[in-house]
Amino acid sequence: EINGAALSPMDAYSLLRGMKTLKLRVERQNESAMTIARYLQNHPMI
C-alpha cells in the first residue's frame, strides 16, 4: 500500500470474469497438454 503497486479495478474485474471458467479451462488444458506431450515424445525431431 505504501509502495503503490496496486491492482487496478478494471484489471480486477477482468480477472474476476476470467476466473469463473478457471476449472473448466484448466481441466481442458491438463488433458490436452498430456496428449500433446505424448505425441511429441514420439516425434523424431524432438
All heavy atoms as atom14 arrays in JSON, in Angstrom:
{
  "sequence": "EINGAALSPMDAYSLLRGMKTLKLRVERQNESAMTIARYLQNHPMI",
  "atom14_mask": [
    [1, 1, 1, 1, 1, 1, 1, 1, 1, 0, 0, 0, 0, 0],
    [1, 1, 1, 1, 1, 1, 1, 1, 0, 0, 0, 0, 0, 0],
    [1, 1, 1, 1, 1, 1, 1, 1, 0, 0, 0, 0, 0, 0],
    [1, 1, 1, 1, 0, 0, 0, 0, 0, 0, 0, 0, 0, 0],
    [1, 1, 1, 1, 1, 0, 0, 0, 0, 0, 0, 0, 0, 0],
    [1, 1, 1, 1, 1, 0, 0, 0, 0, 0, 0, 0, 0, 0],
    [1, 1, 1, 1, 1, 1, 1, 1, 0, 0, 0, 0, 0, 0],
    [1, 1, 1, 1, 1, 1, 0, 0, 0, 0, 0, 0, 0, 0],
    [1, 1, 1, 1, 1, 1, 1, 0, 0, 0, 0, 0, 0, 0],
    [1, 1, 1, 1, 1, 1, 1, 1, 0, 0, 0, 0, 0, 0],
    [1, 1, 1, 1, 1, 1, 1, 1, 0, 0, 0, 0, 0, 0],
    [1, 1, 1, 1, 1, 0, 0, 0, 0, 0, 0, 0, 0, 0],
    [1, 1, 1, 1, 1, 1, 1, 1, 1, 1, 1, 1, 0, 0],
    [1, 1, 1, 1, 1, 1, 0, 0, 0, 0, 0, 0, 0, 0],
    [1, 1, 1, 1, 1, 1, 1, 1, 0, 0, 0, 0, 0, 0],
    [1, 1, 1, 1, 1, 1, 1, 1, 0, 0, 0, 0, 0, 0],
    [1, 1, 1, 1, 1, 1, 1, 1, 1, 1, 1, 0, 0, 0],
    [1, 1, 1, 1, 0, 0, 0, 0, 0, 0, 0, 0, 0, 0],
    [1, 1, 1, 1, 1, 1, 1, 1, 0, 0, 0, 0, 0, 0],
    [1, 1, 1, 1, 1, 1, 1, 1, 1, 0, 0, 0, 0, 0],
    [1, 1, 1, 1, 1, 1, 1, 0, 0, 0, 0, 0, 0, 0],
    [1, 1, 1, 1, 1, 1, 1, 1, 0, 0, 0, 0, 0, 0],
    [1, 1, 1, 1, 1, 1, 1, 1, 1, 0, 0, 0, 0, 0],
    [1, 1, 1, 1, 1, 1, 1, 1, 0, 0, 0, 0, 0, 0],
    [1, 1, 1, 1, 1, 1, 1, 1, 1, 1, 1, 0, 0, 0],
    [1, 1, 1, 1, 1, 1, 1, 0, 0, 0, 0, 0, 0, 0],
    [1, 1, 1, 1, 1, 1, 1, 1, 1, 0, 0, 0, 0, 0],
    [1, 1, 1, 1, 1, 1, 1, 1, 1, 1, 1, 0, 0, 0],
    [1, 1, 1, 1, 1, 1, 1, 1, 1, 0, 0, 0, 0, 0],
    [1, 1, 1, 1, 1, 1, 1, 1, 0, 0, 0, 0, 0, 0],
    [1, 1, 1, 1, 1, 1, 1, 1, 1, 0, 0, 0, 0, 0],
    [1, 1, 1, 1, 1, 1, 0, 0, 0, 0, 0, 0, 0, 0],
    [1, 1, 1, 1, 1, 0, 0, 0, 0, 0, 0, 0, 0, 0],
    [1, 1, 1, 1, 1, 1, 1, 1, 0, 0, 0, 0, 0, 0],
    [1, 1, 1, 1, 1, 1, 1, 0, 0, 0, 0, 0, 0, 0],
    [1, 1, 1, 1, 1, 1, 1, 1, 0, 0, 0, 0, 0, 0],
    [1, 1, 1, 1, 1, 0, 0, 0, 0, 0, 0, 0, 0, 0],
    [1, 1, 1, 1, 1, 1, 1, 1, 1, 1, 1, 0, 0, 0],
    [1, 1, 1, 1, 1, 1, 1, 1, 1, 1, 1, 1, 0, 0],
    [1, 1, 1, 1, 1, 1, 1, 1, 0, 0, 0, 0, 0, 0],
    [1, 1, 1, 1, 1, 1, 1, 1, 1, 0, 0, 0, 0, 0],
    [1, 1, 1, 1, 1, 1, 1, 1, 0, 0, 0, 0, 0, 0],
    [1, 1, 1, 1, 1, 1, 1, 1, 1, 1, 0, 0, 0, 0],
    [1, 1, 1, 1, 1, 1, 1, 0, 0, 0, 0, 0, 0, 0],
    [1, 1, 1, 1, 1, 1, 1, 1, 0, 0, 0, 0, 0, 0],
    [1, 1, 1, 1, 1, 1, 1, 1, 0, 0, 0, 0, 0, 0]
  ],
  "atom14_positions": [
    [[0.83, -1.21, 0.0], [0.0, 0.0, 0.0], [0.86, 1.26, 0.0], [0.47, 2.29, -0.55], [-0.96, 0.0, 1.19], [-0.3, 0.19, 2.54], [-1.31, 0.48, 3.65], [-2.38, 1.04, 3.37], [-0.99, 0.15, 4.81], [0.0, 0.0, 0.0], [0.0, 0.0, 0.0], [0.0, 0.0, 0.0], [0.0, 0.0, 0.0], [0.0, 0.0, 0.0]],
    [[2.05, 1.18, 0.61], [2.96, 2.32, 0.61], [3.79, 2.34, -0.66], [4.04, 3.39, -1.26], [3.87, 2.29, 1.85], [3.02, 2.3, 3.14], [4.85, 3.46, 1.84], [2.07, 3.49, 3.25], [0.0, 0.0, 0.0], [0.0, 0.0, 0.0], [0.0, 0.0, 0.0], [0.0, 0.0, 0.0], [0.0, 0.0, 0.0], [0.0, 0.0, 0.0]],
    [[4.21, 1.16, -1.1], [4.98, 1.04, -2.34], [4.16, 1.45, -3.55], [4.7, 1.98, -4.54], [5.48, -0.41, -2.48], [6.28, -0.66, -3.72], [5.72, -1.02, -4.75], [7.59, -0.45, -3.65], [0.0, 0.0, 0.0], [0.0, 0.0, 0.0], [0.0, 0.0, 0.0], [0.0, 0.0, 0.0], [0.0, 0.0, 0.0], [0.0, 0.0, 0.0]],
    [[2.85, 1.19, -3.5], [1.95, 1.69, -4.53], [1.65, 0.76, -5.69], [1.02, 1.17, -6.66], [0.0, 0.0, 0.0], [0.0, 0.0, 0.0], [0.0, 0.0, 0.0], [0.0, 0.0, 0.0], [0.0, 0.0, 0.0], [0.0, 0.0, 0.0], [0.0, 0.0, 0.0], [0.0, 0.0, 0.0], [0.0, 0.0, 0.0], [0.0, 0.0, 0.0]],
    [[2.08, -0.51, -5.61], [1.88, -1.45, -6.73], [0.49, -2.06, -6.68], [0.31, -3.28, -6.59], [2.94, -2.54, -6.69], [0.0, 0.0, 0.0], [0.0, 0.0, 0.0], [0.0, 0.0, 0.0], [0.0, 0.0, 0.0], [0.0, 0.0, 0.0], [0.0, 0.0, 0.0], [0.0, 0.0, 0.0], [0.0, 0.0, 0.0], [0.0, 0.0, 0.0]],
    [[-0.54, -1.22, -6.75], [-1.92, -1.66, -6.57], [-2.52, -2.2, -7.86], [-2.25, -1.7, -8.96], [-2.77, -0.5, -6.05], [0.0, 0.0, 0.0], [0.0, 0.0, 0.0], [0.0, 0.0, 0.0], [0.0, 0.0, 0.0], [0.0, 0.0, 0.0], [0.0, 0.0, 0.0], [0.0, 0.0, 0.0], [0.0, 0.0, 0.0], [0.0, 0.0, 0.0]],
    [[-3.36, -3.23, -7.72], [-4.12, -3.77, -8.84], [-5.24, -2.79, -9.2], [-5.94, -2.29, -8.32], [-4.72, -5.12, -8.45], [-5.6, -5.84, -9.48], [-4.79, -6.24, -10.71], [-6.26, -7.06, -8.86], [0.0, 0.0, 0.0], [0.0, 0.0, 0.0], [0.0, 0.0, 0.0], [0.0, 0.0, 0.0], [0.0, 0.0, 0.0], [0.0, 0.0, 0.0]],
    [[-5.43, -2.52, -10.49], [-6.48, -1.59, -10.9], [-7.84, -2.28, -10.86], [-7.95, -3.49, -11.08], [-6.22, -1.08, -12.32], [-6.6, -2.05, -13.28], [0.0, 0.0, 0.0], [0.0, 0.0, 0.0], [0.0, 0.0, 0.0], [0.0, 0.0, 0.0], [0.0, 0.0, 0.0], [0.0, 0.0, 0.0], [0.0, 0.0, 0.0], [0.0, 0.0, 0.0]],
    [[-8.91, -1.54, -10.58], [-10.26, -2.12, -10.55], [-10.66, -2.77, -11.88], [-11.31, -3.81, -11.89], [-11.15, -0.92, -10.23], [-10.26, 0.04, -9.52], [-8.92, -0.13, -10.14], [0.0, 0.0, 0.0], [0.0, 0.0, 0.0], [0.0, 0.0, 0.0], [0.0, 0.0, 0.0], [0.0, 0.0, 0.0], [0.0, 0.0, 0.0], [0.0, 0.0, 0.0]],
    [[-10.25, -2.17, -13.0], [-10.61, -2.74, -14.3], [-9.93, -4.09, -14.51], [-10.55, -5.05, -15.0], [-10.22, -1.78, -15.43], [-10.79, -2.17, -16.79], [-12.59, -2.08, -16.85], [-13.0, -3.68, -17.53], [0.0, 0.0, 0.0], [0.0, 0.0, 0.0], [0.0, 0.0, 0.0], [0.0, 0.0, 0.0], [0.0, 0.0, 0.0], [0.0, 0.0, 0.0]],
    [[-8.65, -4.18, -14.16], [-7.96, -5.46, -14.27], [-8.56, -6.48, -13.3], [-8.69, -7.66, -13.63], [-6.46, -5.29, -14.0], [-5.71, -4.76, -15.2], [-6.17, -4.99, -16.34], [-4.67, -4.11, -15.02], [0.0, 0.0, 0.0], [0.0, 0.0, 0.0], [0.0, 0.0, 0.0], [0.0, 0.0, 0.0], [0.0, 0.0, 0.0], [0.0, 0.0, 0.0]],
    [[-8.92, -6.04, -12.1], [-9.55, -6.94, -11.13], [-10.86, -7.49, -11.69], [-11.15, -8.69, -11.55], [-9.81, -6.22, -9.81], [0.0, 0.0, 0.0], [0.0, 0.0, 0.0], [0.0, 0.0, 0.0], [0.0, 0.0, 0.0], [0.0, 0.0, 0.0], [0.0, 0.0, 0.0], [0.0, 0.0, 0.0], [0.0, 0.0, 0.0], [0.0, 0.0, 0.0]],
    [[-11.63, -6.64, -12.34], [-12.89, -7.09, -12.95], [-12.63, -8.13, -14.04], [-13.31, -9.17, -14.11], [-13.65, -5.9, -13.53], [-14.84, -6.31, -14.36], [-16.03, -6.7, -13.75], [-14.75, -6.35, -15.75], [-17.12, -7.1, -14.51], [-15.83, -6.76, -16.52], [-17.01, -7.13, -15.9], [-18.07, -7.55, -16.66], [0.0, 0.0, 0.0], [0.0, 0.0, 0.0]],
    [[-11.65, -7.86, -14.91], [-11.32, -8.81, -15.98], [-10.85, -10.14, -15.41], [-11.19, -11.21, -15.93], [-10.25, -8.22, -16.9], [-10.72, -7.06, -17.56], [0.0, 0.0, 0.0], [0.0, 0.0, 0.0], [0.0, 0.0, 0.0], [0.0, 0.0, 0.0], [0.0, 0.0, 0.0], [0.0, 0.0, 0.0], [0.0, 0.0, 0.0], [0.0, 0.0, 0.0]],
    [[-10.06, -10.09, -14.34], [-9.59, -11.31, -13.69], [-10.75, -12.08, -13.06], [-10.82, -13.31, -13.16], [-8.53, -10.98, -12.65], [-7.22, -10.39, -13.19], [-6.35, -9.88, -12.04], [-6.46, -11.42, -14.01], [0.0, 0.0, 0.0], [0.0, 0.0, 0.0], [0.0, 0.0, 0.0], [0.0, 0.0, 0.0], [0.0, 0.0, 0.0], [0.0, 0.0, 0.0]],
    [[-11.66, -11.36, -12.41], [-12.84, -11.99, -11.83], [-13.67, -12.71, -12.89], [-14.1, -13.85, -12.7], [-13.72, -10.94, -11.14], [-13.35, -10.53, -9.72], [-14.1, -9.26, -9.36], [-13.7, -11.64, -8.74], [0.0, 0.0, 0.0], [0.0, 0.0, 0.0], [0.0, 0.0, 0.0], [0.0, 0.0, 0.0], [0.0, 0.0, 0.0], [0.0, 0.0, 0.0]],
    [[-13.89, -12.05, -13.99], [-14.68, -12.63, -15.07], [-14.0, -13.88, -15.63], [-14.64, -14.91, -15.85], [-14.88, -11.59, -16.18], [-15.76, -12.07, -17.33], [-15.91, -10.99, -18.37], [-14.6, -10.56, -18.87], [-14.44, -9.59, -19.76], [-15.49, -8.91, -20.19], [-13.25, -9.26, -20.19], [0.0, 0.0, 0.0], [0.0, 0.0, 0.0], [0.0, 0.0, 0.0]],
    [[-12.69, -13.78, -15.82], [-11.95, -14.93, -16.33], [-11.96, -16.12, -15.39], [-12.03, -17.27, -15.82], [0.0, 0.0, 0.0], [0.0, 0.0, 0.0], [0.0, 0.0, 0.0], [0.0, 0.0, 0.0], [0.0, 0.0, 0.0], [0.0, 0.0, 0.0], [0.0, 0.0, 0.0], [0.0, 0.0, 0.0], [0.0, 0.0, 0.0], [0.0, 0.0, 0.0]],
    [[-11.92, -15.84, -14.09], [-11.82, -16.92, -13.11], [-13.09, -17.76, -13.01], [-13.05, -18.88, -12.49], [-11.46, -16.36, -11.74], [-10.0, -15.93, -11.64], [-9.55, -15.42, -9.98], [-9.64, -16.98, -9.11], [0.0, 0.0, 0.0], [0.0, 0.0, 0.0], [0.0, 0.0, 0.0], [0.0, 0.0, 0.0], [0.0, 0.0, 0.0], [0.0, 0.0, 0.0]],
    [[-14.19, -17.26, -13.51], [-15.43, -18.04, -13.46], [-15.32, -19.34, -14.26], [-16.01, -20.32, -14.0], [-16.61, -17.2, -13.95], [-17.0, -16.08, -12.99], [-18.14, -15.26, -13.53], [-18.47, -14.07, -12.63], [-19.09, -14.47, -11.36], [0.0, 0.0, 0.0], [0.0, 0.0, 0.0], [0.0, 0.0, 0.0], [0.0, 0.0, 0.0], [0.0, 0.0, 0.0]],
    [[-14.44, -19.36, -15.25], [-14.24, -20.57, -16.05], [-12.9, -21.24, -15.76], [-12.44, -22.08, -16.54], [-14.32, -20.24, -17.56], [-13.32, -19.26, -17.89], [-15.7, -19.71, -17.94], [0.0, 0.0, 0.0], [0.0, 0.0, 0.0], [0.0, 0.0, 0.0], [0.0, 0.0, 0.0], [0.0, 0.0, 0.0], [0.0, 0.0, 0.0], [0.0, 0.0, 0.0]],
    [[-12.26, -20.88, -14.65], [-10.92, -21.39, -14.36], [-10.86, -22.91, -14.36], [-9.99, -23.5, -15.02], [-10.45, -20.84, -13.0], [-9.07, -21.32, -12.53], [-7.98, -20.86, -13.49], [-8.77, -20.81, -11.12], [0.0, 0.0, 0.0], [0.0, 0.0, 0.0], [0.0, 0.0, 0.0], [0.0, 0.0, 0.0], [0.0, 0.0, 0.0], [0.0, 0.0, 0.0]],
    [[-11.74, -23.55, -13.64], [-11.68, -25.02, -13.55], [-11.95, -25.67, -14.91], [-11.25, -26.63, -15.3], [-12.67, -25.54, -12.51], [-12.5, -27.03, -12.2], [-13.3, -27.43, -10.97], [-12.99, -28.86, -10.55], [-13.66, -29.85, -11.41], [0.0, 0.0, 0.0], [0.0, 0.0, 0.0], [0.0, 0.0, 0.0], [0.0, 0.0, 0.0], [0.0, 0.0, 0.0]],
    [[-12.91, -25.15, -15.64], [-13.2, -25.7, -16.96], [-11.99, -25.58, -17.89], [-11.63, -26.53, -18.59], [-14.39, -24.96, -17.59], [-15.75, -25.12, -16.9], [-16.78, -24.22, -17.57], [-16.21, -26.57, -16.95], [0.0, 0.0, 0.0], [0.0, 0.0, 0.0], [0.0, 0.0, 0.0], [0.0, 0.0, 0.0], [0.0, 0.0, 0.0], [0.0, 0.0, 0.0]],
    [[-11.37, -24.4, -17.88], [-10.21, -24.18, -18.74], [-9.04, -25.08, -18.36], [-8.42, -25.73, -19.21], [-9.77, -22.72, -18.68], [-10.72, -21.75, -19.35], [-10.17, -20.35, -19.38], [-10.29, -19.63, -18.12], [-9.32, -19.36, -17.28], [-8.08, -19.78, -17.55], [-9.53, -18.69, -16.16], [0.0, 0.0, 0.0], [0.0, 0.0, 0.0], [0.0, 0.0, 0.0]],
    [[-8.72, -25.09, -17.07], [-7.56, -25.85, -16.61], [-7.73, -27.34, -16.83], [-6.78, -28.03, -17.23], [-7.26, -25.53, -15.12], [-6.21, -26.47, -14.56], [-6.8, -24.09, -14.98], [0.0, 0.0, 0.0], [0.0, 0.0, 0.0], [0.0, 0.0, 0.0], [0.0, 0.0, 0.0], [0.0, 0.0, 0.0], [0.0, 0.0, 0.0], [0.0, 0.0, 0.0]],
    [[-8.92, -27.85, -16.6], [-9.15, -29.28, -16.87], [-8.92, -29.62, -18.34], [-8.3, -30.64, -18.67], [-10.57, -29.67, -16.45], [-10.75, -29.76, -14.94], [-12.16, -30.13, -14.53], [-13.1, -29.91, -15.33], [-12.34, -30.63, -13.4], [0.0, 0.0, 0.0], [0.0, 0.0, 0.0], [0.0, 0.0, 0.0], [0.0, 0.0, 0.0], [0.0, 0.0, 0.0]],
    [[-9.39, -28.76, -19.22], [-9.19, -28.97, -20.66], [-7.69, -28.87, -21.0], [-7.15, -29.68, -21.77], [-9.99, -27.94, -21.44], [-9.78, -27.93, -22.96], [-10.26, -29.22, -23.61], [-10.25, -29.09, -25.06], [-11.33, -28.83, -25.8], [-12.51, -28.64, -25.21], [-11.24, -28.75, -27.1], [0.0, 0.0, 0.0], [0.0, 0.0, 0.0], [0.0, 0.0, 0.0]],
    [[-7.01, -27.89, -20.42], [-5.59, -27.72, -20.7], [-4.75, -28.87, -20.13], [-3.78, -29.3, -20.75], [-5.13, -26.35, -20.16], [-5.68, -25.2, -20.99], [-5.65, -23.86, -20.28], [-5.93, -23.76, -19.09], [-5.3, -22.81, -21.01], [0.0, 0.0, 0.0], [0.0, 0.0, 0.0], [0.0, 0.0, 0.0], [0.0, 0.0, 0.0], [0.0, 0.0, 0.0]],
    [[-5.13, -29.36, -18.95], [-4.46, -30.55, -18.4], [-4.51, -31.71, -19.39], [-3.49, -32.36, -19.68], [-5.15, -31.01, -17.1], [-4.91, -30.1, -15.91], [-4.0, -29.28, -15.91], [-5.73, -30.25, -14.89], [0.0, 0.0, 0.0], [0.0, 0.0, 0.0], [0.0, 0.0, 0.0], [0.0, 0.0, 0.0], [0.0, 0.0, 0.0], [0.0, 0.0, 0.0]],
    [[-5.71, -31.98, -19.86], [-5.94, -33.13, -20.75], [-5.2, -32.97, -22.08], [-4.55, -33.9, -22.57], [-7.45, -33.28, -20.98], [-7.84, -34.47, -21.83], [-9.34, -34.56, -22.04], [-10.1, -33.91, -21.28], [-9.77, -35.28, -22.96], [0.0, 0.0, 0.0], [0.0, 0.0, 0.0], [0.0, 0.0, 0.0], [0.0, 0.0, 0.0], [0.0, 0.0, 0.0]],
    [[-5.3, -31.78, -22.67], [-4.66, -31.54, -23.96], [-3.14, -31.56, -23.86], [-2.46, -32.1, -24.74], [-5.13, -30.2, -24.54], [-6.5, -30.23, -24.85], [0.0, 0.0, 0.0], [0.0, 0.0, 0.0], [0.0, 0.0, 0.0], [0.0, 0.0, 0.0], [0.0, 0.0, 0.0], [0.0, 0.0, 0.0], [0.0, 0.0, 0.0], [0.0, 0.0, 0.0]],
    [[-2.59, -30.97, -22.79], [-1.14, -30.96, -22.61], [-0.59, -32.37, -22.5], [0.49, -32.68, -23.05], [-0.77, -30.14, -21.38], [0.0, 0.0, 0.0], [0.0, 0.0, 0.0], [0.0, 0.0, 0.0], [0.0, 0.0, 0.0], [0.0, 0.0, 0.0], [0.0, 0.0, 0.0], [0.0, 0.0, 0.0], [0.0, 0.0, 0.0], [0.0, 0.0, 0.0]],
    [[-1.29, -33.25, -21.81], [-0.85, -34.64, -21.69], [-0.83, -35.31, -23.06], [0.13, -36.01, -23.42], [-1.77, -35.4, -20.73], [-1.45, -36.88, -20.61], [0.12, -37.18, -19.77], [-0.46, -37.2, -18.07], [0.0, 0.0, 0.0], [0.0, 0.0, 0.0], [0.0, 0.0, 0.0], [0.0, 0.0, 0.0], [0.0, 0.0, 0.0], [0.0, 0.0, 0.0]],
    [[-1.87, -35.09, -23.85], [-1.96, -35.69, -25.18], [-0.83, -35.19, -26.08], [-0.2, -35.97, -26.8], [-3.33, -35.36, -25.82], [-4.37, -35.85, -24.97], [-3.46, -36.0, -27.19], [0.0, 0.0, 0.0], [0.0, 0.0, 0.0], [0.0, 0.0, 0.0], [0.0, 0.0, 0.0], [0.0, 0.0, 0.0], [0.0, 0.0, 0.0], [0.0, 0.0, 0.0]],
    [[-0.57, -33.88, -26.02], [0.49, -33.29, -26.85], [1.87, -33.76, -26.39], [2.74, -34.06, -27.22], [0.38, -31.75, -26.81], [-0.88, -31.31, -27.56], [1.62, -31.09, -27.42], [-1.26, -29.86, -27.34], [0.0, 0.0, 0.0], [0.0, 0.0, 0.0], [0.0, 0.0, 0.0], [0.0, 0.0, 0.0], [0.0, 0.0, 0.0], [0.0, 0.0, 0.0]],
    [[2.07, -33.86, -25.09], [3.36, -34.34, -24.57], [3.65, -35.76, -25.06], [4.78, -36.07, -25.46], [3.34, -34.3, -23.04], [0.0, 0.0, 0.0], [0.0, 0.0, 0.0], [0.0, 0.0, 0.0], [0.0, 0.0, 0.0], [0.0, 0.0, 0.0], [0.0, 0.0, 0.0], [0.0, 0.0, 0.0], [0.0, 0.0, 0.0], [0.0, 0.0, 0.0]],
    [[2.64, -36.61, -25.05], [2.82, -37.98, -25.53], [3.11, -38.02, -27.03], [3.93, -38.81, -27.5], [1.58, -38.82, -25.21], [1.47, -39.18, -23.73], [0.18, -39.88, -23.41], [0.15, -40.34, -22.02], [-0.95, -40.56, -21.32], [-2.14, -40.33, -21.89], [-0.9, -40.97, -20.07], [0.0, 0.0, 0.0], [0.0, 0.0, 0.0], [0.0, 0.0, 0.0]],
    [[2.44, -37.13, -27.78], [2.7, -37.05, -29.22], [4.15, -36.62, -29.47], [4.87, -37.24, -30.27], [1.72, -36.07, -29.87], [2.22, -35.5, -31.17], [2.22, -36.25, -32.34], [2.72, -34.2, -31.23], [2.7, -35.73, -33.54], [3.2, -33.66, -32.41], [3.19, -34.43, -33.56], [3.69, -33.91, -34.74], [0.0, 0.0, 0.0], [0.0, 0.0, 0.0]],
    [[4.58, -35.54, -28.8], [5.93, -35.02, -29.01], [7.0, -36.02, -28.58], [8.09, -36.07, -29.17], [6.09, -33.7, -28.27], [5.31, -32.5, -28.81], [5.38, -31.33, -27.84], [5.85, -32.07, -30.18], [0.0, 0.0, 0.0], [0.0, 0.0, 0.0], [0.0, 0.0, 0.0], [0.0, 0.0, 0.0], [0.0, 0.0, 0.0], [0.0, 0.0, 0.0]],
    [[6.7, -36.78, -27.55], [7.66, -37.76, -27.04], [8.06, -38.78, -28.11], [9.17, -39.32, -28.07], [7.04, -38.47, -25.83], [8.03, -39.16, -24.92], [7.36, -39.72, -23.69], [6.19, -40.11, -23.7], [8.08, -39.78, -22.58], [0.0, 0.0, 0.0], [0.0, 0.0, 0.0], [0.0, 0.0, 0.0], [0.0, 0.0, 0.0], [0.0, 0.0, 0.0]],
    [[7.18, -39.0, -29.05], [7.44, -39.99, -30.1], [7.82, -39.37, -31.44], [7.92, -40.07, -32.44], [6.2, -40.89, -30.28], [5.9, -41.71, -29.04], [6.79, -42.36, -28.5], [4.65, -41.68, -28.58], [0.0, 0.0, 0.0], [0.0, 0.0, 0.0], [0.0, 0.0, 0.0], [0.0, 0.0, 0.0], [0.0, 0.0, 0.0], [0.0, 0.0, 0.0]],
    [[8.01, -38.03, -31.46], [8.35, -37.37, -32.72], [9.87, -37.41, -32.93], [10.63, -37.08, -32.01], [7.86, -35.92, -32.71], [7.82, -35.31, -34.08], [8.96, -34.91, -34.75], [6.77, -35.07, -34.93], [8.62, -34.42, -35.92], [7.3, -34.51, -36.05], [0.0, 0.0, 0.0], [0.0, 0.0, 0.0], [0.0, 0.0, 0.0], [0.0, 0.0, 0.0]],
    [[10.32, -37.77, -34.13], [11.77, -37.92, -34.37], [12.58, -36.62, -34.25], [13.79, -36.67, -34.05], [11.83, -38.48, -35.8], [10.52, -38.1, -36.42], [9.53, -38.14, -35.31], [0.0, 0.0, 0.0], [0.0, 0.0, 0.0], [0.0, 0.0, 0.0], [0.0, 0.0, 0.0], [0.0, 0.0, 0.0], [0.0, 0.0, 0.0], [0.0, 0.0, 0.0]],
    [[11.94, -35.46, -34.39], [12.67, -34.2, -34.32], [12.69, -33.58, -32.92], [13.23, -32.5, -32.72], [12.08, -33.19, -35.31], [12.24, -33.59, -36.77], [13.94, -34.06, -37.19], [14.82, -32.54, -36.89], [0.0, 0.0, 0.0], [0.0, 0.0, 0.0], [0.0, 0.0, 0.0], [0.0, 0.0, 0.0], [0.0, 0.0, 0.0], [0.0, 0.0, 0.0]],
    [[12.12, -34.27, -31.95], [12.09, -33.77, -30.58], [13.05, -34.58, -29.72], [12.96, -35.8, -29.64], [10.66, -33.85, -30.0], [9.67, -33.09, -30.88], [10.64, -33.31, -28.57], [9.98, -31.63, -31.08], [0.0, 0.0, 0.0], [0.0, 0.0, 0.0], [0.0, 0.0, 0.0], [0.0, 0.0, 0.0], [0.0, 0.0, 0.0], [0.0, 0.0, 0.0]]
  ]
}
